[in-house]
Amino acid sequence: QQARARMRDRNPDQATNRDLDAKALYECGQFSC
């Protein structure tokens, strides 16, 4: 549930990481180079 809370804080429009599209992954994913 703590992990899910972090997902909601990062992207309130999507409940889980499964719902992230390519644009959301690029904007909110925070991937290192």
Full PDB file with SEQRES, HELIX, SHEET, SSBOND, CRYST1, ORIGX, SCALE, CONECT and MASTER records, all heavy atoms in Angstrom:
SEQRES   1 A   33  GLN GLN ALA ARG ALA ARG MET ARG ASP ARG ASN PRO ASP          
SEQRES   2 A   33  GLN ALA THR ASN ARG ASP LEU ASP ALA LYS ALA LEU TYR          
SEQRES   3 A   33  GLU CYS GLY GLN PHE SER CYS                                  
HELIX    1 AA1 GLN A    2  ARG A   10  1                                   9    
HELIX    2 AA2 ASN A   17  ASP A   19  5                                   3    
HELIX    3 AA3 ALA A   22  CYS A   28  1                                   7    
CRYST1    1.000    1.000    1.000  90.00  90.00  90.00 P 1           1          
ORIGX1      1.000000  0.000000  0.000000        0.00000                         
ORIGX2      0.000000  1.000000  0.000000        0.00000                         
ORIGX3      0.000000  0.000000  1.000000        0.00000                         
SCALE1      1.000000  0.000000  0.000000        0.00000                         
SCALE2      0.000000  1.000000  0.000000        0.00000                         
SCALE3      0.000000  0.000000  1.000000        0.00000                         
ATOM      1  N   GLN A   1       0.817  -1.204   0.000  1.00  0.00           N  
ATOM      2  CA  GLN A   1       0.000   0.000   0.000  1.00  0.00           C  
ATOM      3  C   GLN A   1       0.858   1.264   0.000  1.00  0.00           C  
ATOM      4  O   GLN A   1       0.473   2.284  -0.587  1.00  0.00           O  
ATOM      5  CB  GLN A   1      -0.946  -0.015   1.199  1.00  0.00           C  
ATOM      6  CG  GLN A   1      -2.031  -1.077   1.085  1.00  0.00           C  
ATOM      7  CD  GLN A   1      -3.005  -1.043   2.241  1.00  0.00           C  
ATOM      8  OE1 GLN A   1      -3.273   0.017   2.795  1.00  0.00           O  
ATOM      9  NE2 GLN A   1      -3.535  -2.191   2.620  1.00  0.00           N  
ATOM     10  N   GLN A   2       2.006   1.204   0.639  1.00  0.00           N  
ATOM     11  CA  GLN A   2       2.918   2.348   0.592  1.00  0.00           C  
ATOM     12  C   GLN A   2       3.427   2.574  -0.832  1.00  0.00           C  
ATOM     13  O   GLN A   2       3.560   3.718  -1.285  1.00  0.00           O  
ATOM     14  CB  GLN A   2       4.085   2.111   1.550  1.00  0.00           C  
ATOM     15  CG  GLN A   2       3.692   2.148   3.019  1.00  0.00           C  
ATOM     16  CD  GLN A   2       4.811   1.667   3.930  1.00  0.00           C  
ATOM     17  OE1 GLN A   2       5.935   1.439   3.472  1.00  0.00           O  
ATOM     18  NE2 GLN A   2       4.499   1.502   5.206  1.00  0.00           N  
ATOM     19  N   ALA A   3       3.709   1.468  -1.536  1.00  0.00           N  
ATOM     20  CA  ALA A   3       4.135   1.592  -2.931  1.00  0.00           C  
ATOM     21  C   ALA A   3       3.022   2.196  -3.781  1.00  0.00           C  
ATOM     22  O   ALA A   3       3.267   3.052  -4.646  1.00  0.00           O  
ATOM     23  CB  ALA A   3       4.540   0.218  -3.472  1.00  0.00           C  
ATOM     24  N   ARG A   4       1.784   1.770  -3.543  1.00  0.00           N  
ATOM     25  CA  ARG A   4       0.655   2.336  -4.303  1.00  0.00           C  
ATOM     26  C   ARG A   4       0.470   3.823  -3.999  1.00  0.00           C  
ATOM     27  O   ARG A   4       0.101   4.607  -4.877  1.00  0.00           O  
ATOM     28  CB  ARG A   4      -0.622   1.566  -3.977  1.00  0.00           C  
ATOM     29  CG  ARG A   4      -0.703   0.215  -4.645  1.00  0.00           C  
ATOM     30  CD  ARG A   4      -2.084  -0.017  -5.202  1.00  0.00           C  
ATOM     31  NE  ARG A   4      -2.167  -1.240  -5.975  1.00  0.00           N  
ATOM     32  CZ  ARG A   4      -3.241  -1.620  -6.635  1.00  0.00           C  
ATOM     33  NH1 ARG A   4      -4.322  -0.860  -6.621  1.00  0.00           N  
ATOM     34  NH2 ARG A   4      -3.258  -2.745  -7.330  1.00  0.00           N  
ATOM     35  N   ALA A   5       0.716   4.206  -2.755  1.00  0.00           N  
ATOM     36  CA  ALA A   5       0.599   5.621  -2.393  1.00  0.00           C  
ATOM     37  C   ALA A   5       1.626   6.450  -3.165  1.00  0.00           C  
ATOM     38  O   ALA A   5       1.326   7.566  -3.615  1.00  0.00           O  
ATOM     39  CB  ALA A   5       0.779   5.794  -0.891  1.00  0.00           C  
ATOM     40  N   ARG A   6       2.821   5.918  -3.335  1.00  0.00           N  
ATOM     41  CA  ARG A   6       3.833   6.629  -4.117  1.00  0.00           C  
ATOM     42  C   ARG A   6       3.409   6.759  -5.583  1.00  0.00           C  
ATOM     43  O   ARG A   6       3.671   7.777  -6.230  1.00  0.00           O  
ATOM     44  CB  ARG A   6       5.173   5.905  -4.003  1.00  0.00           C  
ATOM     45  CG  ARG A   6       5.904   6.174  -2.698  1.00  0.00           C  
ATOM     46  CD  ARG A   6       7.291   5.543  -2.701  1.00  0.00           C  
ATOM     47  NE  ARG A   6       7.243   4.127  -2.440  1.00  0.00           N  
ATOM     48  CZ  ARG A   6       7.231   3.582  -1.226  1.00  0.00           C  
ATOM     49  NH1 ARG A   6       7.276   4.362  -0.151  1.00  0.00           N  
ATOM     50  NH2 ARG A   6       7.192   2.280  -1.056  1.00  0.00           N  
ATOM     51  N   MET A   7       2.757   5.714  -6.106  1.00  0.00           N  
ATOM     52  CA  MET A   7       2.263   5.776  -7.487  1.00  0.00           C  
ATOM     53  C   MET A   7       1.220   6.878  -7.640  1.00  0.00           C  
ATOM     54  O   MET A   7       1.228   7.645  -8.616  1.00  0.00           O  
ATOM     55  CB  MET A   7       1.661   4.430  -7.893  1.00  0.00           C  
ATOM     56  CG  MET A   7       2.637   3.271  -7.909  1.00  0.00           C  
ATOM     57  SD  MET A   7       1.801   1.695  -8.275  1.00  0.00           S  
ATOM     58  CE  MET A   7       3.049   0.517  -7.736  1.00  0.00           C  
ATOM     59  N   ARG A   8       0.299   6.971  -6.679  1.00  0.00           N  
ATOM     60  CA  ARG A   8      -0.757   7.996  -6.759  1.00  0.00           C  
ATOM     61  C   ARG A   8      -0.171   9.398  -6.620  1.00  0.00           C  
ATOM     62  O   ARG A   8      -0.623  10.333  -7.280  1.00  0.00           O  
ATOM     63  CB  ARG A   8      -1.808   7.751  -5.682  1.00  0.00           C  
ATOM     64  CG  ARG A   8      -2.683   6.541  -5.937  1.00  0.00           C  
ATOM     65  CD  ARG A   8      -3.887   6.559  -5.009  1.00  0.00           C  
ATOM     66  NE  ARG A   8      -3.468   6.504  -3.609  1.00  0.00           N  
ATOM     67  CZ  ARG A   8      -3.300   5.387  -2.924  1.00  0.00           C  
ATOM     68  NH1 ARG A   8      -3.491   4.214  -3.513  1.00  0.00           N  
ATOM     69  NH2 ARG A   8      -2.928   5.421  -1.658  1.00  0.00           N  
ATOM     70  N   ASP A   9       0.822   9.559  -5.742  1.00  0.00           N  
ATOM     71  CA  ASP A   9       1.422  10.879  -5.557  1.00  0.00           C  
ATOM     72  C   ASP A   9       2.147  11.326  -6.829  1.00  0.00           C  
ATOM     73  O   ASP A   9       2.128  12.512  -7.165  1.00  0.00           O  
ATOM     74  CB  ASP A   9       2.402  10.840  -4.387  1.00  0.00           C  
ATOM     75  CG  ASP A   9       1.701  10.632  -3.056  1.00  0.00           C  
ATOM     76  OD1 ASP A   9       0.475  10.869  -2.993  1.00  0.00           O  
ATOM     77  OD2 ASP A   9       2.367  10.208  -2.092  1.00  0.00           O  
ATOM     78  N   ARG A  10       2.756  10.370  -7.518  1.00  0.00           N  
ATOM     79  CA  ARG A  10       3.526  10.706  -8.705  1.00  0.00           C  
ATOM     80  C   ARG A  10       2.618  10.979  -9.907  1.00  0.00           C  
ATOM     81  O   ARG A  10       2.887  11.853 -10.725  1.00  0.00           O  
ATOM     82  CB  ARG A  10       4.485   9.557  -9.019  1.00  0.00           C  
ATOM     83  CG  ARG A  10       5.456   9.848 -10.162  1.00  0.00           C  
ATOM     84  CD  ARG A  10       6.519   8.765 -10.282  1.00  0.00           C  
ATOM     85  NE  ARG A  10       5.942   7.440 -10.394  1.00  0.00           N  
ATOM     86  CZ  ARG A  10       5.999   6.511  -9.443  1.00  0.00           C  
ATOM     87  NH1 ARG A  10       6.620   6.755  -8.293  1.00  0.00           N  
ATOM     88  NH2 ARG A  10       5.442   5.321  -9.608  1.00  0.00           N  
ATOM     89  N   ASN A  11       1.528  10.224 -10.003  1.00  0.00           N  
ATOM     90  CA  ASN A  11       0.619  10.385 -11.146  1.00  0.00           C  
ATOM     91  C   ASN A  11      -0.812  10.147 -10.671  1.00  0.00           C  
ATOM     92  O   ASN A  11      -1.315   9.023 -10.716  1.00  0.00           O  
ATOM     93  CB  ASN A  11       0.984   9.390 -12.250  1.00  0.00           C  
ATOM     94  CG  ASN A  11       0.292   9.721 -13.562  1.00  0.00           C  
ATOM     95  OD1 ASN A  11      -0.660  10.486 -13.595  1.00  0.00           O  
ATOM     96  ND2 ASN A  11       0.756   9.145 -14.645  1.00  0.00           N  
ATOM     97  N   PRO A  12      -1.500  11.192 -10.182  1.00  0.00           N  
ATOM     98  CA  PRO A  12      -2.851  11.014  -9.617  1.00  0.00           C  
ATOM     99  C   PRO A  12      -3.868  10.490 -10.623  1.00  0.00           C  
ATOM    100  O   PRO A  12      -4.888   9.921 -10.221  1.00  0.00           O  
ATOM    101  CB  PRO A  12      -3.221  12.429  -9.149  1.00  0.00           C  
ATOM    102  CG  PRO A  12      -1.921  13.163  -9.034  1.00  0.00           C  
ATOM    103  CD  PRO A  12      -1.029  12.583 -10.093  1.00  0.00           C  
ATOM    104  N   ASP A  13      -3.635  10.681 -11.912  1.00  0.00           N  
ATOM    105  CA  ASP A  13      -4.615  10.266 -12.907  1.00  0.00           C  
ATOM    106  C   ASP A  13      -4.627   8.755 -13.130  1.00  0.00           C  
ATOM    107  O   ASP A  13      -5.596   8.219 -13.678  1.00  0.00           O  
ATOM    108  CB  ASP A  13      -4.328  10.955 -14.249  1.00  0.00           C  
ATOM    109  CG  ASP A  13      -4.505  12.457 -14.160  1.00  0.00           C  
ATOM    110  OD1 ASP A  13      -5.286  12.895 -13.292  1.00  0.00           O  
ATOM    111  OD2 ASP A  13      -3.864  13.177 -14.945  1.00  0.00           O  
ATOM    112  N   GLN A  14      -3.568   8.060 -12.730  1.00  0.00           N  
ATOM    113  CA  GLN A  14      -3.466   6.625 -12.951  1.00  0.00           C  
ATOM    114  C   GLN A  14      -3.332   5.928 -11.605  1.00  0.00           C  
ATOM    115  O   GLN A  14      -2.480   6.289 -10.792  1.00  0.00           O  
ATOM    116  CB  GLN A  14      -2.263   6.276 -13.839  1.00  0.00           C  
ATOM    117  CG  GLN A  14      -2.242   7.000 -15.180  1.00  0.00           C  
ATOM    118  CD  GLN A  14      -3.368   6.556 -16.086  1.00  0.00           C  
ATOM    119  OE1 GLN A  14      -3.956   5.502 -15.886  1.00  0.00           O  
ATOM    120  NE2 GLN A  14      -3.679   7.355 -17.091  1.00  0.00           N  
ATOM    121  N   ALA A  15      -4.162   4.903 -11.389  1.00  0.00           N  
ATOM    122  CA  ALA A  15      -4.172   4.230 -10.087  1.00  0.00           C  
ATOM    123  C   ALA A  15      -2.931   3.378  -9.870  1.00  0.00           C  
ATOM    124  O   ALA A  15      -2.404   3.287  -8.760  1.00  0.00           O  
ATOM    125  CB  ALA A  15      -5.432   3.372  -9.950  1.00  0.00           C  
ATOM    126  N   THR A  16      -2.454   2.707 -10.922  1.00  0.00           N  
ATOM    127  CA  THR A  16      -1.322   1.802 -10.795  1.00  0.00           C  
ATOM    128  C   THR A  16      -0.345   2.027 -11.944  1.00  0.00           C  
ATOM    129  O   THR A  16      -0.683   2.649 -12.956  1.00  0.00           O  
ATOM    130  CB  THR A  16      -1.780   0.332 -10.809  1.00  0.00           C  
ATOM    131  OG1 THR A  16      -2.426   0.058 -12.063  1.00  0.00           O  
ATOM    132  CG2 THR A  16      -2.740   0.036  -9.670  1.00  0.00           C  
ATOM    133  N   ASN A  17       0.838   1.474 -11.793  1.00  0.00           N  
ATOM    134  CA  ASN A  17       1.844   1.588 -12.856  1.00  0.00           C  
ATOM    135  C   ASN A  17       1.413   0.847 -14.122  1.00  0.00           C  
ATOM    136  O   ASN A  17       1.886   1.171 -15.218  1.00  0.00           O  
ATOM    137  CB  ASN A  17       3.186   1.043 -12.369  1.00  0.00           C  
ATOM    138  CG  ASN A  17       3.855   1.982 -11.378  1.00  0.00           C  
ATOM    139  OD1 ASN A  17       3.575   3.179 -11.358  1.00  0.00           O  
ATOM    140  ND2 ASN A  17       4.721   1.444 -10.541  1.00  0.00           N  
ATOM    141  N   ARG A  18       0.564  -0.148 -13.981  1.00  0.00           N  
ATOM    142  CA  ARG A  18       0.093  -0.881 -15.153  1.00  0.00           C  
ATOM    143  C   ARG A  18      -0.622   0.029 -16.146  1.00  0.00           C  
ATOM    144  O   ARG A  18      -0.634  -0.223 -17.355  1.00  0.00           O  
ATOM    145  CB  ARG A  18      -0.854  -2.001 -14.704  1.00  0.00           C  
ATOM    146  CG  ARG A  18      -1.382  -2.872 -15.831  1.00  0.00           C  
ATOM    147  CD  ARG A  18      -2.413  -3.863 -15.305  1.00  0.00           C  
ATOM    148  NE  ARG A  18      -3.656  -3.224 -14.927  1.00  0.00           N  
ATOM    149  CZ  ARG A  18      -4.666  -3.841 -14.338  1.00  0.00           C  
ATOM    150  NH1 ARG A  18      -4.558  -5.123 -14.047  1.00  0.00           N  
ATOM    151  NH2 ARG A  18      -5.773  -3.196 -14.023  1.00  0.00           N  
ATOM    152  N   ASP A  19      -1.202   1.123 -15.667  1.00  0.00           N  
ATOM    153  CA  ASP A  19      -1.994   2.012 -16.508  1.00  0.00           C  
ATOM    154  C   ASP A  19      -1.169   3.095 -17.192  1.00  0.00           C  
ATOM    155  O   ASP A  19      -1.706   3.851 -18.003  1.00  0.00           O  
ATOM    156  CB  ASP A  19      -3.087   2.684 -15.674  1.00  0.00           C  
ATOM    157  CG  ASP A  19      -3.956   1.670 -14.965  1.00  0.00           C  
ATOM    158  OD1 ASP A  19      -4.364   0.699 -15.625  1.00  0.00           O  
ATOM    159  OD2 ASP A  19      -4.218   1.846 -13.762  1.00  0.00           O  
ATOM    160  N   LEU A  20       0.115   3.195 -16.875  1.00  0.00           N  
ATOM    161  CA  LEU A  20       0.930   4.276 -17.436  1.00  0.00           C  
ATOM    162  C   LEU A  20       1.170   4.050 -18.929  1.00  0.00           C  
ATOM    163  O   LEU A  20       1.642   2.985 -19.334  1.00  0.00           O  
ATOM    164  CB  LEU A  20       2.269   4.354 -16.700  1.00  0.00           C  
ATOM    165  CG  LEU A  20       2.214   4.683 -15.205  1.00  0.00           C  
ATOM    166  CD1 LEU A  20       3.609   4.645 -14.613  1.00  0.00           C  
ATOM    167  CD2 LEU A  20       1.564   6.039 -14.968  1.00  0.00           C  
ATOM    168  N   ASP A  21       0.858   5.057 -19.736  1.00  0.00           N  
ATOM    169  CA  ASP A  21       1.178   4.963 -21.155  1.00  0.00           C  
ATOM    170  C   ASP A  21       2.592   5.492 -21.397  1.00  0.00           C  
ATOM    171  O   ASP A  21       3.308   5.876 -20.459  1.00  0.00           O  
ATOM    172  CB  ASP A  21       0.153   5.726 -21.993  1.00  0.00           C  
ATOM    173  CG  ASP A  21       0.019   7.181 -21.562  1.00  0.00           C  
ATOM    174  OD1 ASP A  21       0.920   7.689 -20.864  1.00  0.00           O  
ATOM    175  OD2 ASP A  21      -0.994   7.810 -21.935  1.00  0.00           O  
ATOM    176  N   ALA A  22       3.014   5.505 -22.657  1.00  0.00           N  
ATOM    177  CA  ALA A  22       4.380   5.906 -22.967  1.00  0.00           C  
ATOM    178  C   ALA A  22       4.657   7.338 -22.533  1.00  0.00           C  
ATOM    179  O   ALA A  22       5.739   7.643 -22.006  1.00  0.00           O  
ATOM    180  CB  ALA A  22       4.635   5.739 -24.468  1.00  0.00           C  
ATOM    181  N   LYS A  23       3.689   8.228 -22.729  1.00  0.00           N  
ATOM    182  CA  LYS A  23       3.885   9.624 -22.344  1.00  0.00           C  
ATOM    183  C   LYS A  23       4.047   9.762 -20.844  1.00  0.00           C  
ATOM    184  O   LYS A  23       4.935  10.489 -20.359  1.00  0.00           O  
ATOM    185  CB  LYS A  23       2.699  10.461 -22.839  1.00  0.00           C  
ATOM    186  CG  LYS A  23       2.821  11.935 -22.508  1.00  0.00           C  
ATOM    187  CD  LYS A  23       1.612  12.715 -23.023  1.00  0.00           C  
ATOM    188  CE  LYS A  23       1.733  14.193 -22.658  1.00  0.00           C  
ATOM    189  NZ  LYS A  23       0.553  14.970 -23.128  1.00  0.00           N  
ATOM    190  N   ALA A  24       3.197   9.057 -20.072  1.00  0.00           N  
ATOM    191  CA  ALA A  24       3.283   9.129 -18.616  1.00  0.00           C  
ATOM    192  C   ALA A  24       4.588   8.523 -18.101  1.00  0.00           C  
ATOM    193  O   ALA A  24       5.186   9.028 -17.144  1.00  0.00           O  
ATOM    194  CB  ALA A  24       2.091   8.416 -17.988  1.00  0.00           C  
ATOM    195  N   LEU A  25       5.035   7.435 -18.750  1.00  0.00           N  
ATOM    196  CA  LEU A  25       6.315   6.845 -18.358  1.00  0.00           C  
ATOM    197  C   LEU A  25       7.459   7.834 -18.583  1.00  0.00           C  
ATOM    198  O   LEU A  25       8.379   7.943 -17.759  1.00  0.00           O  
ATOM    199  CB  LEU A  25       6.564   5.562 -19.149  1.00  0.00           C  
ATOM    200  CG  LEU A  25       5.840   4.300 -18.694  1.00  0.00           C  
ATOM    201  CD1 LEU A  25       6.028   3.181 -19.697  1.00  0.00           C  
ATOM    202  CD2 LEU A  25       6.333   3.861 -17.322  1.00  0.00           C  
ATOM    203  N   TYR A  26       7.401   8.558 -19.689  1.00  0.00           N  
ATOM    204  CA  TYR A  26       8.460   9.521 -20.009  1.00  0.00           C  
ATOM    205  C   TYR A  26       8.446  10.704 -19.030  1.00  0.00           C  
ATOM    206  O   TYR A  26       9.496  11.155 -18.570  1.00  0.00           O  
ATOM    207  CB  TYR A  26       8.284  10.021 -21.441  1.00  0.00           C  
ATOM    208  CG  TYR A  26       9.261  11.102 -21.836  1.00  0.00           C  
ATOM    209  CD1 TYR A  26      10.587  10.791 -22.142  1.00  0.00           C  
ATOM    210  CD2 TYR A  26       8.855  12.434 -21.902  1.00  0.00           C  
ATOM    211  CE1 TYR A  26      11.489  11.790 -22.501  1.00  0.00           C  
ATOM    212  CE2 TYR A  26       9.747  13.441 -22.261  1.00  0.00           C  
ATOM    213  CZ  TYR A  26      11.063  13.109 -22.555  1.00  0.00           C  
ATOM    214  OH  TYR A  26      11.948  14.099 -22.904  1.00  0.00           O  
ATOM    215  N   GLU A  27       7.232  11.177 -18.689  1.00  0.00           N  
ATOM    216  CA  GLU A  27       7.132  12.369 -17.857  1.00  0.00           C  
ATOM    217  C   GLU A  27       7.288  12.084 -16.371  1.00  0.00           C  
ATOM    218  O   GLU A  27       7.837  12.902 -15.633  1.00  0.00           O  
ATOM    219  CB  GLU A  27       5.798  13.066 -18.109  1.00  0.00           C  
ATOM    220  CG  GLU A  27       5.644  13.620 -19.527  1.00  0.00           C  
ATOM    221  CD  GLU A  27       4.281  14.217 -19.757  1.00  0.00           C  
ATOM    222  OE1 GLU A  27       3.379  14.008 -18.903  1.00  0.00           O  
ATOM    223  OE2 GLU A  27       4.085  14.887 -20.799  1.00  0.00           O  
ATOM    224  N   CYS A  28       6.783  10.929 -15.926  1.00  0.00           N  
ATOM    225  CA  CYS A  28       6.737  10.652 -14.487  1.00  0.00           C  
ATOM    226  C   CYS A  28       7.550   9.429 -14.068  1.00  0.00           C  
ATOM    227  O   CYS A  28       7.655   9.148 -12.873  1.00  0.00           O  
ATOM    228  CB  CYS A  28       5.283  10.453 -14.035  1.00  0.00           C  
ATOM    229  SG  CYS A  28       4.156  11.767 -14.518  1.00  0.00           S  
ATOM    230  N   GLY A  29       8.090   8.683 -15.044  1.00  0.00           N  
ATOM    231  CA  GLY A  29       8.759   7.430 -14.706  1.00  0.00           C  
ATOM    232  C   GLY A  29      10.041   7.608 -13.931  1.00  0.00           C  
ATOM    233  O   GLY A  29      10.406   6.762 -13.115  1.00  0.00           O  
ATOM    234  N   GLN A  30      10.779   8.711 -14.171  1.00  0.00           N  
ATOM    235  CA  GLN A  30      12.035   8.998 -13.479  1.00  0.00           C  
ATOM    236  C   GLN A  30      13.048   7.865 -13.678  1.00  0.00           C  
ATOM    237  O   GLN A  30      13.552   7.269 -12.723  1.00  0.00           O  
ATOM    238  CB  GLN A  30      11.783   9.252 -11.987  1.00  0.00           C  
ATOM    239  CG  GLN A  30      10.929  10.487 -11.725  1.00  0.00           C  
ATOM    240  CD  GLN A  30      10.674  10.720 -10.250  1.00  0.00           C  
ATOM    241  OE1 GLN A  30      10.194   9.830  -9.557  1.00  0.00           O  
ATOM    242  NE2 GLN A  30      10.981  11.918  -9.783  1.00  0.00           N  
ATOM    243  N   PHE A  31      13.351   7.579 -14.941  1.00  0.00           N  
ATOM    244  CA  PHE A  31      14.351   6.571 -15.279  1.00  0.00           C  
ATOM    245  C   PHE A  31      15.708   7.252 -15.457  1.00  0.00           C  
ATOM    246  O   PHE A  31      15.812   8.307 -16.096  1.00  0.00           O  
ATOM    247  CB  PHE A  31      13.967   5.846 -16.578  1.00  0.00           C  
ATOM    248  CG  PHE A  31      12.686   5.086 -16.483  1.00  0.00           C  
ATOM    249  CD1 PHE A  31      11.475   5.667 -16.859  1.00  0.00           C  
ATOM    250  CD2 PHE A  31      12.668   3.784 -16.009  1.00  0.00           C  
ATOM    251  CE1 PHE A  31      10.293   4.976 -16.768  1.00  0.00           C  
ATOM    252  CE2 PHE A  31      11.477   3.080 -15.915  1.00  0.00           C  
ATOM    253  CZ  PHE A  31      10.295   3.672 -16.297  1.00  0.00           C  
ATOM    254  N   SER A  32      16.737   6.619 -14.935  1.00  0.00           N  
ATOM    255  CA  SER A  32      18.081   7.158 -15.126  1.00  0.00           C  
ATOM    256  C   SER A  32      18.520   6.939 -16.580  1.00  0.00           C  
ATOM    257  O   SER A  32      17.977   6.075 -17.292  1.00  0.00           O  
ATOM    258  CB  SER A  32      19.057   6.479 -14.169  1.00  0.00           C  
ATOM    259  OG  SER A  32      19.208   5.119 -14.501  1.00  0.00           O  
ATOM    260  N   CYS A  33      19.505   7.718 -17.011  1.00  0.00           N  
ATOM    261  CA  CYS A  33      19.991   7.599 -18.397  1.00  0.00           C  
ATOM    262  C   CYS A  33      20.576   6.216 -18.654  1.00  0.00           C  
ATOM    263  O   CYS A  33      20.365   5.626 -19.724  1.00  0.00           O  
ATOM    264  CB  CYS A  33      21.038   8.678 -18.677  1.00  0.00           C  
ATOM    265  SG  CYS A  33      20.387  10.361 -18.616  1.00  0.00           S  
TER     266      CYS A  33                                                      
MASTER        0    0    0    3    0    0    0    6  265    1    0    3          
END                                                                             
